[in-house]
Amino acid sequence: MIDRILEELQHPSDLVTELLDNGYMQMEIGYFPSLCDPAIIKDGLLIPYSYRFIPEEFDRLIHTNPKFSPADNPDEWTKQLLKGSLLFRIEDQVYKFDVQRKLFDKPDEVQIENSLQGPQSALTEDLDMNVSLVRLRYNEPSLNVVQHVLGEASKTRIMMIYDRELVNQDVLKRVNDKIAEVQLKLLSATGQLLKVLSGRKHKMFPIILQTERPDRIAVMLKRGKIAILLDGSRFGLILPVRLFDFMHAMDDDYESHWMSRFLLVLRYLAMVLTITLPAAYISIVSYNPEVLRVQLTLSIAGSRVVVPYPSFIEVILMLFMIEALNEASLRLPRSIGSTATTVGGLILGQSIQQAGLVSSIMIIVTSVVAISNFVIPNNGFGYSIRFVKYIFVFVSIFFGLMGVVVLFHSLIVYWCSMRSFGQPYLALFIPKREATAHHQGNGGTG
């Protein structure tokens, strides 16, 4: 066994191979210390074999402990070693001992989807711990956990989780077909899997929700959705989803009814402002000043007296600065990120207005757009909204306010035409029993 492994792996320096003899039998072992837990190896195999060896007890240990299993296929030996298993050979029989090193012993803390009143635990990069976090919050016997292995080189484990009594069978079949078609050499993050499962590359809005919160996954499972967890990634995928799922924050479930509805309306207003406000500014200044009161129109015109170029140049310049500041705050180290954005946002904004390059009204519009975009709870959907507002700006340059209104109507039509794994993207209401009835109609198979 050792000779075959060394030949296939070309004698790697970090592979431990030994021939042990306890006076009764010889045992060949091979493993990678960097991938294995030495404490489990010592307590689970070496001590029973060396210090208190009883042949009957040792044989019972190998055949009853679920961590031990026969490894009869020599072609799989190197793959098992690279996954963090230990191989040992006794009396012409090779066994596998699952001793993979666990890097995480407790949940991570929420970093992106913060909640004021909800749980603060988040998913980790350990797939088994993530599954346990979901099961603790959704403790139903109908919960199904199905494992797949994707990635020709990485051999990454993924877990597909759903409630077999609530899931829509058509959606489940679509997801299984998509996973069967996945062809990736290296799968290391849920973002890669999200792009493959989403299908067409030119979708403007996400049809899969990415989350780091196990409580959100539990809530979505109760709604008949499917969750996908990836080994080595602290984010999970939820599908199918509607537009309204991206605007839902977990605080909505923990706050009072009227407060959560107020916050929900606030988010939708912020989304509309982010999309339309820069385009509306261009339209009103350049084409349709009559839609405002005379005093406000004169105030805007007075603030633009010293600005030497058209309004759309002014808008594009300020939006570019905001996007650059957002990217800088993400890429810079945390210790200086907040300082850089403060300097850029306050000092540069005030200086550019005093220099007469932009109007004071434009500074207000830019600030409102930047703040409104951060109100959207989901980052993926927020990126799409940030992109769409530039399409509105481009249309407003040529067609004014009428073009903005027509384009907003077209955006709603586009949302209505979108499907997330066969489910309407803009469905206002989906019957709760729809998936269950479909499930029963298919004979109740999970």
Protein backbone atom coordinates (compact mmCIF):
# COMPACT_ATOMS: atom_id res chain seq x y z
CA MET A 1 0.00 0.00 0.00
CA ILE A 2 2.74 2.45 0.99
CA ASP A 3 4.77 1.81 -2.18
CA ARG A 4 1.73 2.41 -4.41
CA ILE A 5 0.82 5.66 -2.62
CA LEU A 6 4.37 7.01 -2.72
CA GLU A 7 4.64 6.21 -6.40
CA GLU A 8 1.39 7.96 -7.28
CA LEU A 9 2.14 11.06 -5.18
CA GLN A 10 5.82 11.24 -6.22
CA HIS A 11 7.18 10.96 -2.66
CA PRO A 12 5.78 14.17 -1.08
CA SER A 13 7.74 15.40 1.93
CA ASP A 14 4.63 16.11 4.04
CA LEU A 15 3.23 12.57 3.79
CA VAL A 16 3.83 10.35 6.84
CA THR A 17 4.18 6.62 6.09
CA GLU A 18 5.17 4.09 8.75
CA LEU A 19 5.30 0.35 9.31
CA LEU A 20 4.25 -0.45 12.89
CA ASP A 21 4.66 -3.74 14.74
CA ASN A 22 3.12 -4.44 18.17
CA GLY A 23 4.33 -8.03 18.46
CA TYR A 24 1.09 -9.54 17.21
CA MET A 25 0.67 -8.02 13.75
CA GLN A 26 2.14 -5.41 11.48
CA MET A 27 0.29 -2.33 10.29
CA GLU A 28 1.12 0.10 7.47
CA ILE A 29 -0.21 3.62 7.90
CA GLY A 30 -0.15 6.71 5.71
CA TYR A 31 -1.60 10.19 6.23
CA PHE A 32 -0.97 13.91 5.81
CA PRO A 33 -0.45 15.53 9.26
CA SER A 34 -1.53 18.92 7.90
CA LEU A 35 -4.96 17.53 6.97
CA CYS A 36 -5.53 15.21 9.93
CA ASP A 37 -6.26 15.67 13.63
CA PRO A 38 -3.34 14.09 15.56
CA ALA A 39 -5.40 13.71 18.75
CA ILE A 40 -7.99 11.54 17.00
CA ILE A 41 -5.25 9.44 15.39
CA LYS A 42 -3.57 8.88 18.73
CA ASP A 43 -6.69 8.08 20.78
CA GLY A 44 -8.63 6.26 18.08
CA LEU A 45 -5.95 4.09 16.46
CA LEU A 46 -2.41 4.25 17.86
CA ILE A 47 -3.23 3.66 21.55
CA PRO A 48 -5.62 0.72 20.91
CA TYR A 49 -3.04 -0.78 18.54
CA SER A 50 0.15 -0.24 20.55
CA TYR A 51 -0.45 0.10 24.30
CA ARG A 52 -3.55 -1.90 25.14
CA PHE A 53 -3.86 -4.23 22.18
CA ILE A 54 -6.41 -7.03 22.42
CA PRO A 55 -6.99 -8.67 19.00
CA GLU A 56 -10.73 -9.22 19.51
CA GLU A 57 -11.30 -5.71 20.86
CA PHE A 58 -9.25 -4.11 18.07
CA ASP A 59 -11.13 -6.07 15.41
CA ARG A 60 -14.46 -5.03 16.96
CA LEU A 61 -13.29 -1.39 17.02
CA ILE A 62 -12.49 -1.41 13.30
CA HIS A 63 -15.78 -2.98 12.28
CA THR A 64 -18.15 -1.07 14.61
CA ASN A 65 -16.75 2.48 14.71
CA PRO A 66 -18.37 4.54 11.90
CA LYS A 67 -15.10 6.42 11.39
CA PHE A 68 -13.51 3.21 10.07
CA SER A 69 -14.49 1.77 6.70
CA PRO A 70 -12.85 -0.62 4.20
CA ALA A 71 -10.86 0.96 1.35
CA ASP A 72 -10.91 -1.83 -1.21
CA ASN A 73 -10.31 0.29 -4.32
CA PRO A 74 -6.59 1.12 -4.71
CA ASP A 75 -7.44 3.85 -7.25
CA GLU A 76 -9.21 5.83 -4.49
CA TRP A 77 -6.40 5.68 -1.92
CA THR A 78 -4.67 8.93 -2.86
CA LYS A 79 -8.01 10.76 -3.08
CA GLN A 80 -8.92 9.61 0.42
CA LEU A 81 -5.56 10.78 1.78
CA LEU A 82 -5.97 14.20 0.18
CA LYS A 83 -9.40 14.54 1.79
CA GLY A 84 -7.90 14.20 5.27
CA SER A 85 -8.29 10.46 5.90
CA LEU A 86 -5.73 8.03 7.29
CA LEU A 87 -5.16 4.74 5.49
CA PHE A 88 -3.86 1.66 7.29
CA ARG A 89 -3.32 -1.90 6.11
CA ILE A 90 -3.66 -5.00 8.33
CA GLU A 91 -3.49 -8.58 7.03
CA ASP A 92 -3.95 -7.64 3.37
CA GLN A 93 -6.97 -5.45 4.15
CA VAL A 94 -6.84 -1.67 3.78
CA TYR A 95 -9.06 0.53 5.95
CA LYS A 96 -9.86 4.23 5.93
CA PHE A 97 -9.98 6.23 9.16
CA ASP A 98 -11.79 9.61 8.94
CA VAL A 99 -9.61 12.00 10.95
CA GLN A 100 -10.01 15.25 9.03
CA ARG A 101 -8.80 18.27 10.97
CA LYS A 102 -11.60 20.59 12.06
CA LEU A 103 -10.54 24.23 11.90
CA PHE A 104 -13.72 25.62 13.47
CA ASP A 105 -15.18 24.61 16.82
CA LYS A 106 -17.73 27.42 17.20
CA PRO A 107 -19.92 29.52 14.87
CA ASP A 108 -18.66 32.75 13.35
CA GLU A 109 -20.17 36.09 14.25
CA VAL A 110 -22.38 37.91 11.77
CA GLN A 111 -20.32 40.39 9.73
CA ILE A 112 -22.55 41.48 6.83
CA GLU A 113 -26.22 40.78 7.65
CA ASN A 114 -26.25 42.40 11.08
CA SER A 115 -29.32 42.11 13.27
CA LEU A 116 -30.12 44.20 16.34
CA GLN A 117 -32.28 41.67 18.17
CA GLY A 118 -31.74 38.33 16.41
CA PRO A 119 -29.03 35.68 16.90
CA GLN A 120 -25.49 36.81 16.20
CA SER A 121 -24.14 33.43 15.06
CA ALA A 122 -23.24 32.97 11.40
CA LEU A 123 -22.20 30.11 9.15
CA THR A 124 -18.57 28.94 9.19
CA GLU A 125 -16.31 27.34 6.60
CA ASP A 126 -16.97 23.91 8.17
CA LEU A 127 -19.82 22.23 6.28
CA ASP A 128 -20.72 19.80 9.08
CA MET A 129 -21.04 22.63 11.60
CA ASN A 130 -23.20 24.60 9.17
CA VAL A 131 -25.58 21.67 8.79
CA SER A 132 -25.80 21.37 12.57
CA LEU A 133 -26.56 25.10 12.89
CA VAL A 134 -29.45 24.70 10.44
CA ARG A 135 -30.76 21.56 12.12
CA LEU A 136 -30.74 23.27 15.53
CA ARG A 137 -33.01 26.00 14.17
CA TYR A 138 -35.15 23.78 11.95
CA ASN A 139 -35.59 20.62 13.97
CA GLU A 140 -38.10 18.74 11.82
CA PRO A 141 -38.04 15.02 10.89
CA SER A 142 -39.04 15.97 7.34
CA LEU A 143 -35.77 17.85 6.78
CA ASN A 144 -33.73 16.25 3.99
CA VAL A 145 -29.96 16.70 3.64
CA VAL A 146 -28.49 15.43 0.36
CA GLN A 147 -24.73 15.47 -0.30
CA HIS A 148 -23.09 16.10 -3.67
CA VAL A 149 -19.41 16.35 -4.63
CA LEU A 150 -18.50 19.00 -7.23
CA GLY A 151 -15.22 20.16 -8.75
CA GLU A 152 -12.89 17.86 -10.64
CA ALA A 153 -9.82 19.08 -8.77
CA SER A 154 -11.24 20.35 -5.48
CA LYS A 155 -13.77 17.51 -4.82
CA THR A 156 -15.84 20.00 -2.81
CA ARG A 157 -18.73 18.68 -0.76
CA ILE A 158 -22.04 20.53 -0.94
CA MET A 159 -25.21 19.88 1.03
CA MET A 160 -28.67 20.48 -0.43
CA ILE A 161 -31.20 20.98 2.38
CA TYR A 162 -34.98 21.12 2.06
CA ASP A 163 -38.20 20.07 3.77
CA ARG A 164 -39.52 17.18 1.72
CA GLU A 165 -43.11 17.92 2.77
CA LEU A 166 -42.99 21.59 1.73
CA VAL A 167 -40.60 21.73 -1.22
CA ASN A 168 -41.95 22.19 -4.74
CA GLN A 169 -41.03 19.03 -6.66
CA ASP A 170 -40.65 20.87 -9.98
CA VAL A 171 -38.13 23.23 -8.40
CA LEU A 172 -36.32 20.32 -6.75
CA LYS A 173 -35.99 18.55 -10.09
CA ARG A 174 -34.68 21.71 -11.77
CA VAL A 175 -32.06 22.18 -9.07
CA ASN A 176 -30.93 18.54 -9.25
CA ASP A 177 -30.62 18.80 -13.03
CA LYS A 178 -28.59 22.01 -12.72
CA ILE A 179 -26.24 20.47 -10.15
CA ALA A 180 -25.76 17.40 -12.36
CA GLU A 181 -24.66 19.72 -15.20
CA VAL A 182 -22.09 21.63 -13.13
CA GLN A 183 -18.61 21.28 -14.65
CA LEU A 184 -15.98 23.13 -12.63
CA LYS A 185 -12.33 22.30 -12.10
CA LEU A 186 -12.08 24.16 -8.81
CA LEU A 187 -15.04 25.08 -6.60
CA SER A 188 -14.05 27.18 -3.60
CA ALA A 189 -16.88 29.67 -2.98
CA THR A 190 -20.66 29.86 -3.21
CA GLY A 191 -20.34 32.75 -5.66
CA GLN A 192 -18.98 30.35 -8.29
CA LEU A 193 -21.85 27.93 -7.74
CA LEU A 194 -24.35 30.82 -7.81
CA LYS A 195 -23.19 31.91 -11.27
CA VAL A 196 -23.35 28.38 -12.67
CA LEU A 197 -26.81 27.64 -11.24
CA SER A 198 -28.19 31.01 -12.36
CA GLY A 199 -27.70 30.01 -16.00
CA ARG A 200 -27.66 32.90 -18.43
CA LYS A 201 -24.81 35.32 -17.84
CA HIS A 202 -26.78 38.43 -18.85
CA LYS A 203 -29.32 38.31 -16.01
CA MET A 204 -29.41 41.77 -14.52
CA PHE A 205 -30.77 40.73 -11.10
CA PRO A 206 -29.86 37.73 -8.93
CA ILE A 207 -32.28 34.77 -8.83
CA ILE A 208 -30.47 33.07 -5.92
CA LEU A 209 -30.11 34.61 -2.47
CA GLN A 210 -26.74 34.42 -0.72
CA THR A 211 -26.76 34.56 3.08
CA GLU A 212 -24.52 34.01 6.08
CA ARG A 213 -27.32 33.60 8.64
CA PRO A 214 -28.57 30.13 9.67
CA ASP A 215 -31.79 31.65 11.04
CA ARG A 216 -32.60 33.07 7.59
CA ILE A 217 -32.02 29.63 6.07
CA ALA A 218 -34.41 28.10 8.63
CA VAL A 219 -37.10 30.68 7.81
CA MET A 220 -36.73 30.03 4.08
CA LEU A 221 -36.88 26.25 4.57
CA LYS A 222 -40.22 26.72 6.30
CA ARG A 223 -41.43 28.53 3.18
CA GLY A 224 -40.60 25.50 1.04
CA LYS A 225 -37.32 26.77 -0.36
CA ILE A 226 -34.03 24.89 -0.90
CA ALA A 227 -30.73 25.78 0.79
CA ILE A 228 -27.30 24.82 -0.53
CA LEU A 229 -24.25 24.85 1.76
CA LEU A 230 -20.69 24.57 0.50
CA ASP A 231 -17.68 23.15 2.32
CA GLY A 232 -15.08 25.90 2.79
CA SER A 233 -17.51 28.81 2.39
CA ARG A 234 -19.30 30.75 5.13
CA PHE A 235 -22.22 31.63 2.86
CA GLY A 236 -25.22 29.57 1.87
CA LEU A 237 -27.50 29.77 -1.17
CA ILE A 238 -31.31 29.91 -1.03
CA LEU A 239 -33.57 29.23 -4.01
CA PRO A 240 -36.03 29.88 -5.55
CA VAL A 241 -36.49 33.48 -4.45
CA ARG A 242 -38.64 36.49 -5.24
CA LEU A 243 -37.64 40.14 -5.37
CA PHE A 244 -39.28 40.63 -1.97
CA ASP A 245 -36.94 38.08 -0.37
CA PHE A 246 -33.98 40.33 -1.16
CA MET A 247 -35.68 43.25 0.58
CA HIS A 248 -36.43 41.21 3.70
CA ALA A 249 -34.17 41.65 6.73
CA MET A 250 -34.19 39.27 9.69
CA ASP A 251 -35.08 42.14 12.03
CA ASP A 252 -38.50 42.15 10.32
CA ASP A 253 -39.22 38.84 12.07
CA TYR A 254 -38.04 40.07 15.46
CA GLU A 255 -39.61 43.56 15.55
CA SER A 256 -43.27 44.41 16.15
CA HIS A 257 -45.67 44.17 13.21
CA TRP A 258 -46.07 47.89 12.48
CA MET A 259 -42.40 48.69 13.01
CA SER A 260 -41.31 45.94 10.59
CA ARG A 261 -43.85 47.15 7.98
CA PHE A 262 -42.60 50.72 8.37
CA LEU A 263 -39.00 49.61 7.82
CA LEU A 264 -40.06 47.54 4.81
CA VAL A 265 -41.75 50.54 3.19
CA LEU A 266 -38.64 52.60 3.97
CA ARG A 267 -36.48 50.11 2.06
CA TYR A 268 -38.69 50.17 -1.02
CA LEU A 269 -38.71 53.98 -1.02
CA ALA A 270 -34.92 53.95 -0.70
CA MET A 271 -34.67 51.54 -3.65
CA VAL A 272 -36.84 53.79 -5.83
CA LEU A 273 -34.78 56.85 -4.84
CA THR A 274 -31.53 55.07 -5.66
CA ILE A 275 -32.77 54.12 -9.12
CA THR A 276 -34.54 57.31 -10.16
CA LEU A 277 -33.14 60.31 -8.26
CA PRO A 278 -29.99 60.98 -10.38
CA ALA A 279 -32.00 60.53 -13.59
CA ALA A 280 -34.81 62.75 -12.24
CA TYR A 281 -32.28 65.49 -11.44
CA ILE A 282 -30.96 65.47 -15.02
CA SER A 283 -34.49 65.41 -16.45
CA ILE A 284 -35.78 68.29 -14.33
CA VAL A 285 -32.70 70.51 -14.78
CA SER A 286 -32.31 69.94 -18.53
CA TYR A 287 -35.80 69.14 -19.86
CA ASN A 288 -38.71 69.43 -17.43
CA PRO A 289 -38.22 72.24 -14.89
CA GLU A 290 -41.99 72.88 -14.94
CA VAL A 291 -42.73 69.85 -12.73
CA LEU A 292 -41.37 71.70 -9.66
CA ARG A 293 -42.57 74.85 -7.92
CA VAL A 294 -41.12 78.06 -9.30
CA GLN A 295 -39.18 78.82 -6.10
CA LEU A 296 -37.48 75.42 -6.10
CA THR A 297 -36.72 75.62 -9.81
CA LEU A 298 -35.08 79.03 -9.35
CA SER A 299 -33.12 77.72 -6.37
CA ILE A 300 -31.72 74.83 -8.42
CA ALA A 301 -30.93 77.15 -11.35
CA GLY A 302 -29.17 79.58 -8.99
CA SER A 303 -26.97 76.84 -7.52
CA ARG A 304 -25.93 75.81 -11.06
CA VAL A 305 -24.95 79.28 -12.28
CA VAL A 306 -21.23 78.66 -11.72
CA VAL A 307 -21.23 75.05 -13.00
CA PRO A 308 -19.48 75.09 -16.41
CA TYR A 309 -20.97 71.91 -17.97
CA PRO A 310 -24.35 70.18 -18.47
CA SER A 311 -26.16 68.44 -15.63
CA PHE A 312 -25.43 64.90 -16.83
CA ILE A 313 -21.66 65.51 -16.63
CA GLU A 314 -22.17 66.73 -13.08
CA VAL A 315 -24.19 63.62 -12.15
CA ILE A 316 -21.75 61.16 -13.74
CA LEU A 317 -18.80 62.84 -11.98
CA MET A 318 -20.40 62.62 -8.53
CA LEU A 319 -21.68 59.07 -9.01
CA PHE A 320 -18.20 58.00 -10.08
CA MET A 321 -16.75 59.49 -6.90
CA ILE A 322 -19.30 57.64 -4.74
CA GLU A 323 -18.62 54.30 -6.48
CA ALA A 324 -14.88 54.83 -6.09
CA LEU A 325 -15.31 55.57 -2.37
CA ASN A 326 -17.42 52.41 -1.93
CA GLU A 327 -14.78 50.27 -3.60
CA ALA A 328 -12.01 51.92 -1.62
CA SER A 329 -13.80 51.24 1.67
CA LEU A 330 -14.08 47.54 0.73
CA ARG A 331 -10.48 47.04 -0.44
CA LEU A 332 -8.65 49.09 2.17
CA PRO A 333 -7.73 47.58 5.57
CA ARG A 334 -10.43 48.13 8.18
CA SER A 335 -8.16 50.29 10.31
CA ILE A 336 -7.95 53.00 7.63
CA GLY A 337 -11.05 52.27 5.51
CA SER A 338 -13.42 54.42 7.55
CA THR A 339 -10.90 57.29 7.66
CA ALA A 340 -10.42 57.26 3.88
CA THR A 341 -14.16 57.30 3.15
CA THR A 342 -14.73 60.12 5.66
CA VAL A 343 -11.98 62.23 4.11
CA GLY A 344 -13.19 61.50 0.60
CA GLY A 345 -16.87 62.01 1.33
CA LEU A 346 -16.75 65.16 3.45
CA ILE A 347 -13.65 67.09 2.49
CA LEU A 348 -13.62 66.28 -1.22
CA GLY A 349 -17.39 66.82 -1.55
CA GLN A 350 -17.24 70.21 0.15
CA SER A 351 -14.19 71.31 -1.83
CA ILE A 352 -15.63 70.33 -5.21
CA GLN A 353 -18.79 72.29 -4.45
CA GLN A 354 -16.88 75.39 -3.33
CA ALA A 355 -14.78 75.21 -6.51
CA GLY A 356 -17.96 75.48 -8.58
CA LEU A 357 -17.55 72.13 -10.30
CA VAL A 358 -20.91 70.83 -9.02
CA SER A 359 -23.96 72.47 -7.51
CA SER A 360 -24.97 72.23 -3.87
CA ILE A 361 -28.20 70.45 -4.88
CA MET A 362 -26.11 67.78 -6.60
CA ILE A 363 -24.24 67.14 -3.34
CA ILE A 364 -27.58 66.51 -1.63
CA VAL A 365 -28.73 64.19 -4.44
CA THR A 366 -25.49 62.20 -4.29
CA SER A 367 -25.71 61.80 -0.53
CA VAL A 368 -29.32 60.61 -0.70
CA VAL A 369 -28.45 58.07 -3.41
CA ALA A 370 -25.46 56.72 -1.46
CA ILE A 371 -27.41 56.38 1.79
CA SER A 372 -30.47 54.86 0.09
CA ASN A 373 -28.39 52.17 -1.59
CA PHE A 374 -27.01 51.02 1.77
CA VAL A 375 -30.56 50.53 3.09
CA ILE A 376 -31.02 47.47 0.81
CA PRO A 377 -30.32 44.42 3.06
CA ASN A 378 -28.81 42.12 0.40
CA ASN A 379 -25.47 43.00 -1.21
CA GLY A 380 -26.07 41.11 -4.46
CA PHE A 381 -29.38 42.85 -5.08
CA GLY A 382 -27.84 46.17 -4.01
CA TYR A 383 -25.14 45.82 -6.70
CA SER A 384 -27.84 45.27 -9.34
CA ILE A 385 -29.70 48.38 -8.20
CA ARG A 386 -26.46 50.39 -8.35
CA PHE A 387 -25.98 49.27 -11.95
CA VAL A 388 -29.56 49.95 -13.04
CA LYS A 389 -29.42 53.59 -11.96
CA TYR A 390 -26.79 54.26 -14.66
CA ILE A 391 -29.20 52.98 -17.33
CA PHE A 392 -31.77 55.47 -16.02
CA VAL A 393 -29.16 58.24 -16.14
CA PHE A 394 -28.30 57.39 -19.75
CA VAL A 395 -31.96 57.40 -20.82
CA SER A 396 -32.69 60.68 -19.01
CA ILE A 397 -29.91 62.42 -20.98
CA PHE A 398 -31.83 61.92 -24.25
CA PHE A 399 -35.49 61.54 -23.28
CA GLY A 400 -35.97 63.48 -20.06
CA LEU A 401 -38.63 62.67 -17.50
CA MET A 402 -40.82 60.77 -19.97
CA GLY A 403 -37.94 58.40 -20.68
CA VAL A 404 -37.45 57.79 -16.94
CA VAL A 405 -41.14 56.94 -16.46
CA VAL A 406 -41.22 54.58 -19.46
CA LEU A 407 -37.98 52.89 -18.37
CA PHE A 408 -39.30 52.38 -14.82
CA HIS A 409 -42.38 50.73 -16.29
CA SER A 410 -40.09 48.55 -18.44
CA LEU A 411 -38.12 47.56 -15.34
CA ILE A 412 -41.29 46.32 -13.64
CA VAL A 413 -42.21 44.37 -16.80
CA TYR A 414 -38.70 42.85 -16.81
CA TRP A 415 -39.13 41.75 -13.18
CA CYS A 416 -42.48 40.19 -14.06
CA SER A 417 -40.86 38.22 -16.91
CA MET A 418 -38.05 36.83 -14.74
CA ARG A 419 -38.21 33.35 -13.24
CA SER A 420 -36.23 31.84 -10.39
CA PHE A 421 -36.14 28.10 -11.14
CA GLY A 422 -39.58 28.30 -12.71
CA GLN A 423 -41.11 30.50 -9.99
CA PRO A 424 -42.31 34.10 -10.71
CA TYR A 425 -39.77 36.69 -9.60
CA LEU A 426 -42.34 39.39 -8.80
CA ALA A 427 -45.14 37.23 -7.39
CA LEU A 428 -46.94 39.25 -4.74
CA PHE A 429 -48.58 36.20 -3.20
CA ILE A 430 -47.83 32.47 -3.34
CA PRO A 431 -50.30 30.11 -1.58
CA LYS A 432 -48.65 28.40 1.37
CA ARG A 433 -50.21 25.04 0.49
CA GLU A 434 -49.18 25.16 -3.16
CA ALA A 435 -45.96 23.18 -2.74
CA THR A 436 -47.59 20.71 -0.32
CA ALA A 437 -50.48 20.03 -2.69
CA HIS A 438 -48.02 19.46 -5.53
CA HIS A 439 -46.04 17.16 -3.28
CA GLN A 440 -49.10 15.05 -2.47
CA GLY A 441 -50.08 14.97 -6.12
CA ASN A 442 -46.75 13.33 -6.90
CA GLY A 443 -47.37 10.55 -4.42
CA GLY A 444 -45.45 12.16 -1.56
CA THR A 445 -42.00 11.20 -2.79
CA GLY A 446 -39.12 13.21 -1.35
